[in-house]
Amino acid sequence: MTGQEQPSDRLYFRQLLSGNDFARDDPVARQMVNFAYAIGDRTTGDALLVDPAYRVGDLLDVIEGDGMRCAGVLATHYHFDHVGGSAMGVEVEGIAALLERVQVPVHVQRAELPWVLRATGVGEGDLILHQSGDVVMAGEVAVELVHTPGHTPGSQCFLVAGKLVSGDTLFLQGCGRTDLPGGDPEALYESLTQRLAKVPDDTLVYPGHRYSEEPFAPMGETRRTNAVLRPRSAQEWLAMFAR
């Protein structure tokens, strides 16, 4: 994995909490406590937005205020609170609204394609499809894409400069649900225990929601304290957490 090999002096990285750092007047954003992220290269000014939703204009204004420009979107998965869409009678703006303001590529895992199309209404031509291990560049800053199915078929995490943006695959306490459309508890167990096994303990985990007191934590600490990482077999994990 390439997450440690970065020009850290030029890395631009921001963690932004919905309902607080952006979309402050949106009660759904405040309730859902989503994190969006901006990853970029301070030298070139290029930035990638991770999971822009709720008020995409706010997010664009934040990075533009930092002297950066949106060069693309990284989508962890298709759920409405991450890329826009509707659920339970609630409409949330997302990548479709962002593309009306800036024409940039939206990077998704190949397995997530039909789900993103249905959820957001964007065209297939707006999306760049990836396999696990692909690298997306923000200027000279490399972001490695790690396919971590389970919460959804094409869920993915992002490794950059000793940081893991884990979406809803892994929280600091807990993990993503598997009882929603496309969820697969056996796949999530494999993602947590195999696909993320090579992430070093000193890598900082940045989750998709603020479901814990701290907004991020080292992977080693997360391994020690997160109950979903304690079972020693798939059978034990499924008995405790499959839902």
C-alpha atoms as a PDB file:
ATOM      1  CA  MET A   1       0.000   0.000   0.000  1.00  0.00           C
ATOM      2  CA  THR A   2       1.225   3.475  -0.874  1.00  0.00           C
ATOM      3  CA  GLY A   3      -0.434   5.382   1.955  1.00  0.00           C
ATOM      4  CA  GLN A   4       2.857   6.286   3.672  1.00  0.00           C
ATOM      5  CA  GLU A   5       4.820   7.434   0.638  1.00  0.00           C
ATOM      6  CA  GLN A   6       3.708  11.014   0.128  1.00  0.00           C
ATOM      7  CA  PRO A   7       5.154  14.538  -0.140  1.00  0.00           C
ATOM      8  CA  SER A   8       3.669  15.390   3.262  1.00  0.00           C
ATOM      9  CA  ASP A   9       4.895  18.991   3.219  1.00  0.00           C
ATOM     10  CA  ARG A  10       2.578  19.726   0.310  1.00  0.00           C
ATOM     11  CA  LEU A  11      -0.346  17.581   1.472  1.00  0.00           C
ATOM     12  CA  TYR A  12      -3.630  19.441   1.927  1.00  0.00           C
ATOM     13  CA  PHE A  13      -6.046  17.499   4.148  1.00  0.00           C
ATOM     14  CA  ARG A  14      -9.233  18.718   5.812  1.00  0.00           C
ATOM     15  CA  GLN A  15     -11.851  16.829   7.804  1.00  0.00           C
ATOM     16  CA  LEU A  16     -15.210  18.618   7.687  1.00  0.00           C
ATOM     17  CA  LEU A  17     -18.204  17.734   9.879  1.00  0.00           C
ATOM     18  CA  SER A  18     -21.700  18.146   8.454  1.00  0.00           C
ATOM     19  CA  GLY A  19     -23.967  20.418  10.449  1.00  0.00           C
ATOM     20  CA  ASN A  20     -20.926  22.079  11.992  1.00  0.00           C
ATOM     21  CA  ASP A  21     -18.233  22.926   9.437  1.00  0.00           C
ATOM     22  CA  PHE A  22     -20.721  23.024   6.567  1.00  0.00           C
ATOM     23  CA  ALA A  23     -24.498  22.712   6.104  1.00  0.00           C
ATOM     24  CA  ARG A  24     -24.921  24.344   9.504  1.00  0.00           C
ATOM     25  CA  ASP A  25     -28.600  25.109   8.915  1.00  0.00           C
ATOM     26  CA  ASP A  26     -29.496  21.558   7.821  1.00  0.00           C
ATOM     27  CA  PRO A  27     -31.071  19.480  10.616  1.00  0.00           C
ATOM     28  CA  VAL A  28     -30.488  16.217   8.726  1.00  0.00           C
ATOM     29  CA  ALA A  29     -26.798  17.053   8.345  1.00  0.00           C
ATOM     30  CA  ARG A  30     -26.543  17.783  12.069  1.00  0.00           C
ATOM     31  CA  GLN A  31     -28.274  14.522  12.930  1.00  0.00           C
ATOM     32  CA  MET A  32     -26.263  12.320  10.558  1.00  0.00           C
ATOM     33  CA  VAL A  33     -22.852  13.769  11.580  1.00  0.00           C
ATOM     34  CA  ASN A  34     -21.184  12.859   8.300  1.00  0.00           C
ATOM     35  CA  PHE A  35     -17.584  13.701   7.643  1.00  0.00           C
ATOM     36  CA  ALA A  36     -16.538  15.010   4.249  1.00  0.00           C
ATOM     37  CA  TYR A  37     -12.867  15.328   3.393  1.00  0.00           C
ATOM     38  CA  ALA A  38     -10.660  17.381   1.129  1.00  0.00           C
ATOM     39  CA  ILE A  39      -7.369  15.867  -0.016  1.00  0.00           C
ATOM     40  CA  GLY A  40      -5.011  17.811  -2.205  1.00  0.00           C
ATOM     41  CA  ASP A  41      -1.669  19.222  -3.221  1.00  0.00           C
ATOM     42  CA  ARG A  42      -0.904  22.665  -1.814  1.00  0.00           C
ATOM     43  CA  THR A  43       1.669  23.311  -4.540  1.00  0.00           C
ATOM     44  CA  THR A  44      -0.623  22.700  -7.516  1.00  0.00           C
ATOM     45  CA  GLY A  45      -3.853  23.729  -5.778  1.00  0.00           C
ATOM     46  CA  ASP A  46      -5.662  20.545  -6.847  1.00  0.00           C
ATOM     47  CA  ALA A  47      -8.019  18.951  -4.318  1.00  0.00           C
ATOM     48  CA  LEU A  48     -10.296  15.917  -4.263  1.00  0.00           C
ATOM     49  CA  LEU A  49     -13.532  16.078  -2.280  1.00  0.00           C
ATOM     50  CA  VAL A  50     -14.506  12.874  -0.475  1.00  0.00           C
ATOM     51  CA  ASP A  51     -18.263  12.250  -0.126  1.00  0.00           C
ATOM     52  CA  PRO A  52     -19.603  15.757  -0.843  1.00  0.00           C
ATOM     53  CA  ALA A  53     -23.219  15.932   0.331  1.00  0.00           C
ATOM     54  CA  TYR A  54     -25.792  18.250   1.971  1.00  0.00           C
ATOM     55  CA  ARG A  55     -24.311  21.602   0.908  1.00  0.00           C
ATOM     56  CA  VAL A  56     -21.771  20.986  -1.810  1.00  0.00           C
ATOM     57  CA  GLY A  57     -21.473  24.724  -2.364  1.00  0.00           C
ATOM     58  CA  ASP A  58     -20.273  25.108   1.209  1.00  0.00           C
ATOM     59  CA  LEU A  59     -17.584  22.482   0.640  1.00  0.00           C
ATOM     60  CA  LEU A  60     -16.412  24.100  -2.574  1.00  0.00           C
ATOM     61  CA  ASP A  61     -16.316  27.471  -0.830  1.00  0.00           C
ATOM     62  CA  VAL A  62     -14.199  26.000   1.999  1.00  0.00           C
ATOM     63  CA  ILE A  63     -11.498  24.659  -0.276  1.00  0.00           C
ATOM     64  CA  GLU A  64     -11.585  27.703  -2.533  1.00  0.00           C
ATOM     65  CA  GLY A  65     -11.095  29.834   0.580  1.00  0.00           C
ATOM     66  CA  ASP A  66      -7.941  27.802   1.198  1.00  0.00           C
ATOM     67  CA  GLY A  67      -6.682  28.590  -2.281  1.00  0.00           C
ATOM     68  CA  MET A  68      -7.571  25.148  -3.635  1.00  0.00           C
ATOM     69  CA  ARG A  69      -9.788  24.052  -6.529  1.00  0.00           C
ATOM     70  CA  CYS A  70     -11.866  20.916  -6.859  1.00  0.00           C
ATOM     71  CA  ALA A  71     -10.201  18.520  -9.297  1.00  0.00           C
ATOM     72  CA  GLY A  72     -12.393  15.492  -8.630  1.00  0.00           C
ATOM     73  CA  VAL A  73     -14.572  13.545  -6.222  1.00  0.00           C
ATOM     74  CA  LEU A  74     -13.824  10.341  -4.333  1.00  0.00           C
ATOM     75  CA  ALA A  75     -16.963   8.422  -3.336  1.00  0.00           C
ATOM     76  CA  THR A  76     -16.736   5.887  -0.540  1.00  0.00           C
ATOM     77  CA  HIS A  77     -20.174   4.404  -1.376  1.00  0.00           C
ATOM     78  CA  TYR A  78     -23.584   5.164  -2.812  1.00  0.00           C
ATOM     79  CA  HIS A  79     -25.657   6.074   0.267  1.00  0.00           C
ATOM     80  CA  PHE A  80     -27.550   9.367   0.099  1.00  0.00           C
ATOM     81  CA  ASP A  81     -25.703  10.945   3.025  1.00  0.00           C
ATOM     82  CA  HIS A  82     -22.393  10.497   1.198  1.00  0.00           C
ATOM     83  CA  VAL A  83     -23.131  11.265  -2.462  1.00  0.00           C
ATOM     84  CA  GLY A  84     -26.657  12.668  -2.412  1.00  0.00           C
ATOM     85  CA  GLY A  85     -30.045  11.207  -3.240  1.00  0.00           C
ATOM     86  CA  SER A  86     -33.172  10.458  -1.280  1.00  0.00           C
ATOM     87  CA  ALA A  87     -34.187   8.200   1.596  1.00  0.00           C
ATOM     88  CA  MET A  88     -37.139   8.154   3.957  1.00  0.00           C
ATOM     89  CA  GLY A  89     -38.642  11.164   2.203  1.00  0.00           C
ATOM     90  CA  VAL A  90     -35.489  13.256   2.641  1.00  0.00           C
ATOM     91  CA  GLU A  91     -33.670  14.741  -0.350  1.00  0.00           C
ATOM     92  CA  VAL A  92     -29.963  15.420   0.028  1.00  0.00           C
ATOM     93  CA  GLU A  93     -27.896  17.165  -2.613  1.00  0.00           C
ATOM     94  CA  GLY A  94     -24.618  15.604  -3.589  1.00  0.00           C
ATOM     95  CA  ILE A  95     -22.478  14.867  -6.602  1.00  0.00           C
ATOM     96  CA  ALA A  96     -25.197  15.783  -9.113  1.00  0.00           C
ATOM     97  CA  ALA A  97     -25.361  19.302  -7.667  1.00  0.00           C
ATOM     98  CA  LEU A  98     -21.574  19.515  -7.514  1.00  0.00           C
ATOM     99  CA  LEU A  99     -21.284  18.615 -11.202  1.00  0.00           C
ATOM    100  CA  GLU A 100     -23.602  21.492 -12.053  1.00  0.00           C
ATOM    101  CA  ARG A 101     -21.020  23.842 -10.562  1.00  0.00           C
ATOM    102  CA  VAL A 102     -17.755  22.159 -11.586  1.00  0.00           C
ATOM    103  CA  GLN A 103     -17.168  19.491 -14.215  1.00  0.00           C
ATOM    104  CA  VAL A 104     -14.830  17.002 -12.566  1.00  0.00           C
ATOM    105  CA  PRO A 105     -14.448  13.204 -12.565  1.00  0.00           C
ATOM    106  CA  VAL A 106     -16.179  11.214  -9.835  1.00  0.00           C
ATOM    107  CA  HIS A 107     -14.145   8.168  -8.796  1.00  0.00           C
ATOM    108  CA  VAL A 108     -16.085   5.073  -7.691  1.00  0.00           C
ATOM    109  CA  GLN A 109     -15.361   1.381  -7.339  1.00  0.00           C
ATOM    110  CA  ARG A 110     -16.599  -0.579 -10.342  1.00  0.00           C
ATOM    111  CA  ALA A 111     -18.935  -2.709  -8.212  1.00  0.00           C
ATOM    112  CA  GLU A 112     -20.695   0.441  -6.984  1.00  0.00           C
ATOM    113  CA  LEU A 113     -21.601   1.724 -10.471  1.00  0.00           C
ATOM    114  CA  PRO A 114     -25.286   0.678 -10.692  1.00  0.00           C
ATOM    115  CA  TRP A 115     -25.941   1.764  -7.121  1.00  0.00           C
ATOM    116  CA  VAL A 116     -24.455   5.236  -7.621  1.00  0.00           C
ATOM    117  CA  LEU A 117     -26.368   5.715 -10.872  1.00  0.00           C
ATOM    118  CA  ARG A 118     -29.693   4.840  -9.237  1.00  0.00           C
ATOM    119  CA  ALA A 119     -29.053   6.869  -6.091  1.00  0.00           C
ATOM    120  CA  THR A 120     -27.782  10.083  -7.655  1.00  0.00           C
ATOM    121  CA  GLY A 121     -29.156  10.261 -11.189  1.00  0.00           C
ATOM    122  CA  VAL A 122     -25.770  11.198 -12.648  1.00  0.00           C
ATOM    123  CA  GLY A 123     -24.716   9.721 -15.968  1.00  0.00           C
ATOM    124  CA  GLU A 124     -22.250   6.888 -16.362  1.00  0.00           C
ATOM    125  CA  GLY A 125     -20.013   9.250 -18.328  1.00  0.00           C
ATOM    126  CA  ASP A 126     -19.525  11.338 -15.180  1.00  0.00           C
ATOM    127  CA  LEU A 127     -17.989   8.415 -13.298  1.00  0.00           C
ATOM    128  CA  ILE A 128     -14.501   6.914 -13.411  1.00  0.00           C
ATOM    129  CA  LEU A 129     -14.551   3.235 -12.460  1.00  0.00           C
ATOM    130  CA  HIS A 130     -11.745   1.685 -10.429  1.00  0.00           C
ATOM    131  CA  GLN A 131     -10.351  -1.561  -9.130  1.00  0.00           C
ATOM    132  CA  SER A 132      -8.808  -1.971  -5.702  1.00  0.00           C
ATOM    133  CA  GLY A 133      -5.241  -0.711  -5.636  1.00  0.00           C
ATOM    134  CA  ASP A 134      -5.803   2.008  -8.211  1.00  0.00           C
ATOM    135  CA  VAL A 135      -4.240   5.377  -7.446  1.00  0.00           C
ATOM    136  CA  VAL A 136      -5.895   8.738  -8.031  1.00  0.00           C
ATOM    137  CA  MET A 137      -3.679  11.802  -8.122  1.00  0.00           C
ATOM    138  CA  ALA A 138      -4.396  15.209  -6.629  1.00  0.00           C
ATOM    139  CA  GLY A 139      -1.535  17.107  -8.187  1.00  0.00           C
ATOM    140  CA  GLU A 140       1.482  15.106  -7.024  1.00  0.00           C
ATOM    141  CA  VAL A 141      -0.316  13.615  -3.999  1.00  0.00           C
ATOM    142  CA  ALA A 142      -1.278   9.983  -4.545  1.00  0.00           C
ATOM    143  CA  VAL A 143      -4.433   8.499  -3.033  1.00  0.00           C
ATOM    144  CA  GLU A 144      -4.689   4.708  -3.037  1.00  0.00           C
ATOM    145  CA  LEU A 145      -8.148   3.179  -3.401  1.00  0.00           C
ATOM    146  CA  VAL A 146      -8.885   0.091  -1.311  1.00  0.00           C
ATOM    147  CA  HIS A 147     -12.029  -1.870  -2.161  1.00  0.00           C
ATOM    148  CA  THR A 148     -13.728  -2.870   1.102  1.00  0.00           C
ATOM    149  CA  PRO A 149     -17.121  -4.431   0.278  1.00  0.00           C
ATOM    150  CA  GLY A 150     -19.623  -5.350   2.937  1.00  0.00           C
ATOM    151  CA  HIS A 151     -21.453  -2.174   3.892  1.00  0.00           C
ATOM    152  CA  THR A 152     -22.186  -1.877   0.159  1.00  0.00           C
ATOM    153  CA  PRO A 153     -20.810  -3.883  -2.803  1.00  0.00           C
ATOM    154  CA  GLY A 154     -18.403  -1.159  -3.892  1.00  0.00           C
ATOM    155  CA  SER A 155     -17.465   0.501  -0.627  1.00  0.00           C
ATOM    156  CA  GLN A 156     -13.913   1.806  -0.704  1.00  0.00           C
ATOM    157  CA  CYS A 157     -11.388   3.408   1.632  1.00  0.00           C
ATOM    158  CA  PHE A 158      -8.631   5.860   0.744  1.00  0.00           C
ATOM    159  CA  LEU A 159      -5.001   5.745   1.872  1.00  0.00           C
ATOM    160  CA  VAL A 160      -2.932   8.904   1.732  1.00  0.00           C
ATOM    161  CA  ALA A 161       0.152   9.997   3.668  1.00  0.00           C
ATOM    162  CA  GLY A 162      -0.388   7.828   6.725  1.00  0.00           C
ATOM    163  CA  LYS A 163      -4.125   8.470   6.796  1.00  0.00           C
ATOM    164  CA  LEU A 164      -6.994   6.053   6.088  1.00  0.00           C
ATOM    165  CA  VAL A 165     -10.299   7.647   5.101  1.00  0.00           C
ATOM    166  CA  SER A 166     -12.494   4.689   5.947  1.00  0.00           C
ATOM    167  CA  GLY A 167     -16.010   5.806   4.986  1.00  0.00           C
ATOM    168  CA  ASP A 168     -18.640   3.569   6.560  1.00  0.00           C
ATOM    169  CA  THR A 169     -16.476   0.454   6.390  1.00  0.00           C
ATOM    170  CA  LEU A 170     -14.804   1.153   9.739  1.00  0.00           C
ATOM    171  CA  PHE A 171     -15.665   3.650  12.459  1.00  0.00           C
ATOM    172  CA  LEU A 172     -13.515   4.289  15.508  1.00  0.00           C
ATOM    173  CA  GLN A 173     -16.178   2.365  17.403  1.00  0.00           C
ATOM    174  CA  GLY A 174     -18.168  -0.072  15.288  1.00  0.00           C
ATOM    175  CA  CYS A 175     -18.516  -0.557  11.544  1.00  0.00           C
ATOM    176  CA  GLY A 176     -21.059  -0.018   8.808  1.00  0.00           C
ATOM    177  CA  ARG A 177     -24.407  -1.788   8.778  1.00  0.00           C
ATOM    178  CA  THR A 178     -24.940  -4.799   6.536  1.00  0.00           C
ATOM    179  CA  ASP A 179     -28.744  -4.962   6.595  1.00  0.00           C
ATOM    180  CA  LEU A 180     -29.251  -2.274   3.939  1.00  0.00           C
ATOM    181  CA  PRO A 181     -29.525  -3.038   0.198  1.00  0.00           C
ATOM    182  CA  GLY A 182     -26.231  -4.445  -1.057  1.00  0.00           C
ATOM    183  CA  GLY A 183     -24.909  -5.218   2.424  1.00  0.00           C
ATOM    184  CA  ASP A 184     -22.989  -8.440   2.998  1.00  0.00           C
ATOM    185  CA  PRO A 185     -21.779  -9.321   6.524  1.00  0.00           C
ATOM    186  CA  GLU A 186     -19.316 -11.986   5.361  1.00  0.00           C
ATOM    187  CA  ALA A 187     -17.757  -9.554   2.897  1.00  0.00           C
ATOM    188  CA  LEU A 188     -17.471  -6.884   5.583  1.00  0.00           C
ATOM    189  CA  TYR A 189     -15.706  -9.295   7.928  1.00  0.00           C
ATOM    190  CA  GLU A 190     -13.193 -10.053   5.171  1.00  0.00           C
ATOM    191  CA  SER A 191     -12.715  -6.364   4.461  1.00  0.00           C
ATOM    192  CA  LEU A 192     -12.067  -5.556   8.115  1.00  0.00           C
ATOM    193  CA  THR A 193      -9.765  -8.483   8.832  1.00  0.00           C
ATOM    194  CA  GLN A 194      -8.057  -9.100   5.480  1.00  0.00           C
ATOM    195  CA  ARG A 195      -8.265  -6.086   3.174  1.00  0.00           C
ATOM    196  CA  LEU A 196      -7.412  -3.609   5.937  1.00  0.00           C
ATOM    197  CA  ALA A 197      -4.967  -5.936   7.689  1.00  0.00           C
ATOM    198  CA  LYS A 198      -1.937  -4.356   6.021  1.00  0.00           C
ATOM    199  CA  VAL A 199      -2.774  -0.859   7.238  1.00  0.00           C
ATOM    200  CA  PRO A 200      -0.019   0.008   9.761  1.00  0.00           C
ATOM    201  CA  ASP A 201      -0.919   0.685  13.392  1.00  0.00           C
ATOM    202  CA  ASP A 202       0.350   4.270  13.177  1.00  0.00           C
ATOM    203  CA  THR A 203      -1.969   5.124  10.288  1.00  0.00           C
ATOM    204  CA  LEU A 204      -4.665   7.583  11.388  1.00  0.00           C
ATOM    205  CA  VAL A 205      -8.232   6.414  10.775  1.00  0.00           C
ATOM    206  CA  TYR A 206     -10.665   9.081   9.566  1.00  0.00           C
ATOM    207  CA  PRO A 207     -14.213   7.641   9.502  1.00  0.00           C
ATOM    208  CA  GLY A 208     -17.336   8.575   7.542  1.00  0.00           C
ATOM    209  CA  HIS A 209     -19.329   9.643  10.638  1.00  0.00           C
ATOM    210  CA  ARG A 210     -18.516  11.090  14.031  1.00  0.00           C
ATOM    211  CA  TYR A 211     -19.884   8.225  16.102  1.00  0.00           C
ATOM    212  CA  SER A 212     -17.192   8.577  18.782  1.00  0.00           C
ATOM    213  CA  GLU A 213     -15.815  11.363  20.946  1.00  0.00           C
ATOM    214  CA  GLU A 214     -12.613  11.665  18.939  1.00  0.00           C
ATOM    215  CA  PRO A 215     -12.816  12.517  15.223  1.00  0.00           C
ATOM    216  CA  PHE A 216      -9.855  10.272  14.310  1.00  0.00           C
ATOM    217  CA  ALA A 217      -7.487   7.817  15.961  1.00  0.00           C
ATOM    218  CA  PRO A 218      -4.493   5.595  15.149  1.00  0.00           C
ATOM    219  CA  MET A 219      -5.299   2.261  13.554  1.00  0.00           C
ATOM    220  CA  GLY A 220      -3.496   0.447  16.362  1.00  0.00           C
ATOM    221  CA  GLU A 221      -5.733   2.058  18.976  1.00  0.00           C
ATOM    222  CA  THR A 222      -8.794   1.292  16.867  1.00  0.00           C
ATOM    223  CA  ARG A 223      -7.732  -2.349  16.645  1.00  0.00           C
ATOM    224  CA  ARG A 224      -7.396  -2.486  20.440  1.00  0.00           C
ATOM    225  CA  THR A 225     -10.642  -0.744  21.347  1.00  0.00           C
ATOM    226  CA  ASN A 226     -13.133  -1.410  18.544  1.00  0.00           C
ATOM    227  CA  ALA A 227     -15.265  -4.459  19.393  1.00  0.00           C
ATOM    228  CA  VAL A 228     -15.876  -5.353  15.733  1.00  0.00           C
ATOM    229  CA  LEU A 229     -12.166  -6.148  15.346  1.00  0.00           C
ATOM    230  CA  ARG A 230     -11.960  -8.545  18.292  1.00  0.00           C
ATOM    231  CA  PRO A 231     -13.573 -11.769  16.948  1.00  0.00           C
ATOM    232  CA  ARG A 232     -11.039 -14.349  15.780  1.00  0.00           C
ATOM    233  CA  SER A 233     -13.210 -16.125  13.215  1.00  0.00           C
ATOM    234  CA  ALA A 234     -15.888 -15.312  10.669  1.00  0.00           C
ATOM    235  CA  GLN A 235     -18.350 -17.457  12.575  1.00  0.00           C
ATOM    236  CA  GLU A 236     -17.749 -15.554  15.802  1.00  0.00           C
ATOM    237  CA  TRP A 237     -18.001 -12.204  14.024  1.00  0.00           C
ATOM    238  CA  LEU A 238     -21.230 -13.136  12.226  1.00  0.00           C
ATOM    239  CA  ALA A 239     -22.804 -14.350  15.465  1.00  0.00           C
ATOM    240  CA  MET A 240     -22.003 -11.046  17.177  1.00  0.00           C
ATOM    241  CA  PHE A 241     -22.367  -8.385  14.493  1.00  0.00           C
ATOM    242  CA  ALA A 242     -24.208  -9.614  11.384  1.00  0.00           C
ATOM    243  CA  ARG A 243     -27.442  -7.674  11.055  1.00  0.00           C
END
